[in-house]
Amino acid sequence: MAKHEAIKIYFEPKVEELAGNILSFNFSPESEDSISLITNYSDKVRKRYVTGDVQKEYGFTIIIVKSYSTGCDDLNLEAMNFAQAFMDWMDEQDEKRNYPDFGGNCTVEKMECLQNMPNLSGVNQDGTMARYMIQARVIYKERKK
């Protein structure tokens, strides 16, 4: 199984639980409560070992679309808290060492968010929806075949 499929399979149950819909892969629709995974890079070499093993990383971005308000309500705060809870879940998975399955030739060492809070990456033209972005990576060791 390719790493892209492993990542998608790993995140799909959580997305279904939180948003009740499917994870969009490399596409972020402009629809409320959509959650997307956008790939940034794969198999980036971090370190080479004399044994022939290689430490690599898989980088990705989670995009969460929520309703947006220009009023004095708490809608934007609730959306930020939702995105932060997704980040917290990812951190918990790392603590539990519950990782995507990259296959028998790879050992995942760490999954980490690359920031301490989600970014508000943009608001749509109508001002009704906002995109929250979480950048993350999976660090893994690939054994020499």
Protein backbone atom coordinates (compact mmCIF):
# COMPACT_ATOMS: atom_id res chain seq x y z
CA MET A 1 0.00 0.00 0.00
CA ALA A 2 1.30 3.47 -0.88
CA LYS A 3 1.87 6.01 1.88
CA HIS A 4 -0.88 8.24 0.45
CA GLU A 5 -3.43 5.47 0.89
CA ALA A 6 -2.13 4.65 4.37
CA ILE A 7 -2.53 8.29 5.48
CA LYS A 8 -6.04 8.54 4.02
CA ILE A 9 -7.13 5.27 5.65
CA TYR A 10 -5.65 6.41 8.97
CA PHE A 11 -7.55 9.73 9.11
CA GLU A 12 -10.88 8.66 7.57
CA PRO A 13 -12.48 7.23 10.76
CA LYS A 14 -11.73 10.40 12.77
CA VAL A 15 -13.09 12.65 10.02
CA GLU A 16 -16.27 10.58 9.81
CA GLU A 17 -16.64 10.73 13.59
CA LEU A 18 -16.16 14.52 13.77
CA ALA A 19 -17.81 15.75 10.61
CA GLY A 20 -19.96 12.85 9.45
CA ASN A 21 -18.47 12.94 5.97
CA ILE A 22 -15.57 11.55 3.99
CA LEU A 23 -12.03 12.90 4.01
CA SER A 24 -11.26 14.79 0.80
CA PHE A 25 -7.80 13.94 -0.54
CA ASN A 26 -5.82 16.69 -2.33
CA PHE A 27 -9.01 18.69 -2.79
CA SER A 28 -10.65 21.11 -0.36
CA PRO A 29 -14.31 21.78 -1.14
CA GLU A 30 -15.96 24.98 -0.03
CA SER A 31 -18.55 23.27 2.10
CA GLU A 32 -19.20 23.56 5.81
CA ASP A 33 -17.59 20.91 8.00
CA SER A 34 -15.48 19.49 5.19
CA ILE A 35 -12.09 18.13 6.22
CA SER A 36 -9.36 17.62 3.66
CA LEU A 37 -5.87 16.22 3.59
CA ILE A 38 -3.46 17.95 1.21
CA THR A 39 -0.11 16.27 0.56
CA ASN A 40 3.00 18.46 0.84
CA TYR A 41 5.81 15.96 0.27
CA SER A 42 6.59 12.27 0.63
CA ASP A 43 9.77 10.27 1.13
CA LYS A 44 11.80 13.37 2.04
CA VAL A 45 15.13 12.01 3.30
CA ARG A 46 16.12 13.32 6.74
CA LYS A 47 19.02 11.00 7.54
CA ARG A 48 20.93 8.11 5.98
CA TYR A 49 22.41 5.35 8.14
CA VAL A 50 25.50 3.22 7.37
CA THR A 51 23.22 0.16 7.46
CA GLY A 52 21.42 1.48 4.38
CA ASP A 53 18.31 2.39 6.37
CA VAL A 54 16.90 5.86 5.75
CA GLN A 55 14.89 8.17 8.00
CA LYS A 56 12.23 9.95 5.95
CA GLU A 57 9.21 12.17 6.45
CA TYR A 58 5.77 12.55 4.92
CA GLY A 59 4.37 16.09 5.15
CA PHE A 60 0.72 17.02 4.85
CA THR A 61 -1.83 19.69 5.69
CA ILE A 62 -5.28 19.19 7.19
CA ILE A 63 -7.83 21.78 6.01
CA ILE A 64 -11.01 22.21 8.05
CA VAL A 65 -13.81 24.39 6.64
CA LYS A 66 -16.22 25.91 9.15
CA SER A 67 -18.86 28.66 9.10
CA TYR A 68 -17.46 32.15 9.60
CA SER A 69 -18.98 35.20 11.27
CA THR A 70 -18.17 38.90 11.19
CA GLY A 71 -20.52 39.46 14.12
CA CYS A 72 -19.94 39.56 17.87
CA ASP A 73 -20.86 35.92 18.42
CA ASP A 74 -18.63 32.95 19.30
CA LEU A 75 -18.89 31.12 15.96
CA ASN A 76 -15.24 31.76 15.00
CA LEU A 77 -14.06 30.79 18.49
CA GLU A 78 -15.99 27.51 18.26
CA ALA A 79 -14.46 26.82 14.84
CA MET A 80 -10.94 27.46 16.17
CA ASN A 81 -11.62 25.18 19.14
CA PHE A 82 -12.83 22.46 16.76
CA ALA A 83 -9.62 22.68 14.73
CA GLN A 84 -7.53 22.77 17.91
CA ALA A 85 -9.28 19.61 19.15
CA PHE A 86 -8.26 17.88 15.90
CA MET A 87 -4.64 18.89 16.57
CA ASP A 88 -4.94 17.64 20.15
CA TRP A 89 -6.24 14.30 18.85
CA MET A 90 -3.20 14.03 16.56
CA ASP A 91 -0.89 14.76 19.51
CA GLU A 92 -2.67 12.07 21.56
CA GLN A 93 -2.15 9.55 18.77
CA ASP A 94 1.56 10.33 18.81
CA GLU A 95 1.72 9.87 22.59
CA LYS A 96 -0.06 6.51 22.22
CA ARG A 97 2.22 5.62 19.29
CA ASN A 98 -0.89 4.97 17.20
CA TYR A 99 0.38 5.64 13.68
CA PRO A 100 -0.53 5.08 10.05
CA ASP A 101 0.64 1.73 8.69
CA PHE A 102 3.35 2.48 6.12
CA GLY A 103 3.98 -1.22 5.52
CA GLY A 104 6.37 -3.87 6.79
CA ASN A 105 9.46 -2.12 5.46
CA CYS A 106 8.79 1.08 7.46
CA THR A 107 8.64 1.93 11.14
CA VAL A 108 6.86 5.15 12.06
CA GLU A 109 8.79 7.02 14.75
CA LYS A 110 6.67 10.13 15.23
CA MET A 111 3.63 12.04 14.01
CA GLU A 112 3.73 15.73 14.85
CA CYS A 113 1.93 18.98 14.21
CA LEU A 114 4.33 21.64 12.98
CA GLN A 115 2.60 24.47 14.83
CA ASN A 116 0.97 24.92 18.22
CA MET A 117 -2.41 26.10 16.93
CA PRO A 118 -4.36 25.98 13.66
CA ASN A 119 -3.91 28.82 11.16
CA LEU A 120 -6.88 30.74 9.85
CA SER A 121 -5.74 30.35 6.26
CA GLY A 122 -8.56 32.22 4.56
CA VAL A 123 -12.19 33.30 4.36
CA ASN A 124 -14.30 32.76 1.23
CA GLN A 125 -15.39 35.66 -0.96
CA ASP A 126 -18.88 35.75 0.58
CA GLY A 127 -17.41 35.89 4.09
CA THR A 128 -19.46 32.89 5.20
CA MET A 129 -16.81 30.15 5.50
CA ALA A 130 -13.28 29.98 6.82
CA ARG A 131 -10.48 27.50 6.27
CA TYR A 132 -8.37 26.40 9.22
CA MET A 133 -5.06 24.77 8.40
CA ILE A 134 -2.97 22.28 10.40
CA GLN A 135 0.47 21.39 9.05
CA ALA A 136 1.90 18.07 10.16
CA ARG A 137 4.34 15.31 9.29
CA VAL A 138 5.04 11.66 9.91
CA ILE A 139 8.67 10.70 10.52
CA TYR A 140 9.53 7.10 9.71
CA LYS A 141 12.47 4.82 9.13
CA GLU A 142 12.60 2.79 5.94
CA ARG A 143 14.73 -0.35 6.13
CA LYS A 144 17.07 -1.31 3.33
CA LYS A 145 15.48 -4.03 1.24
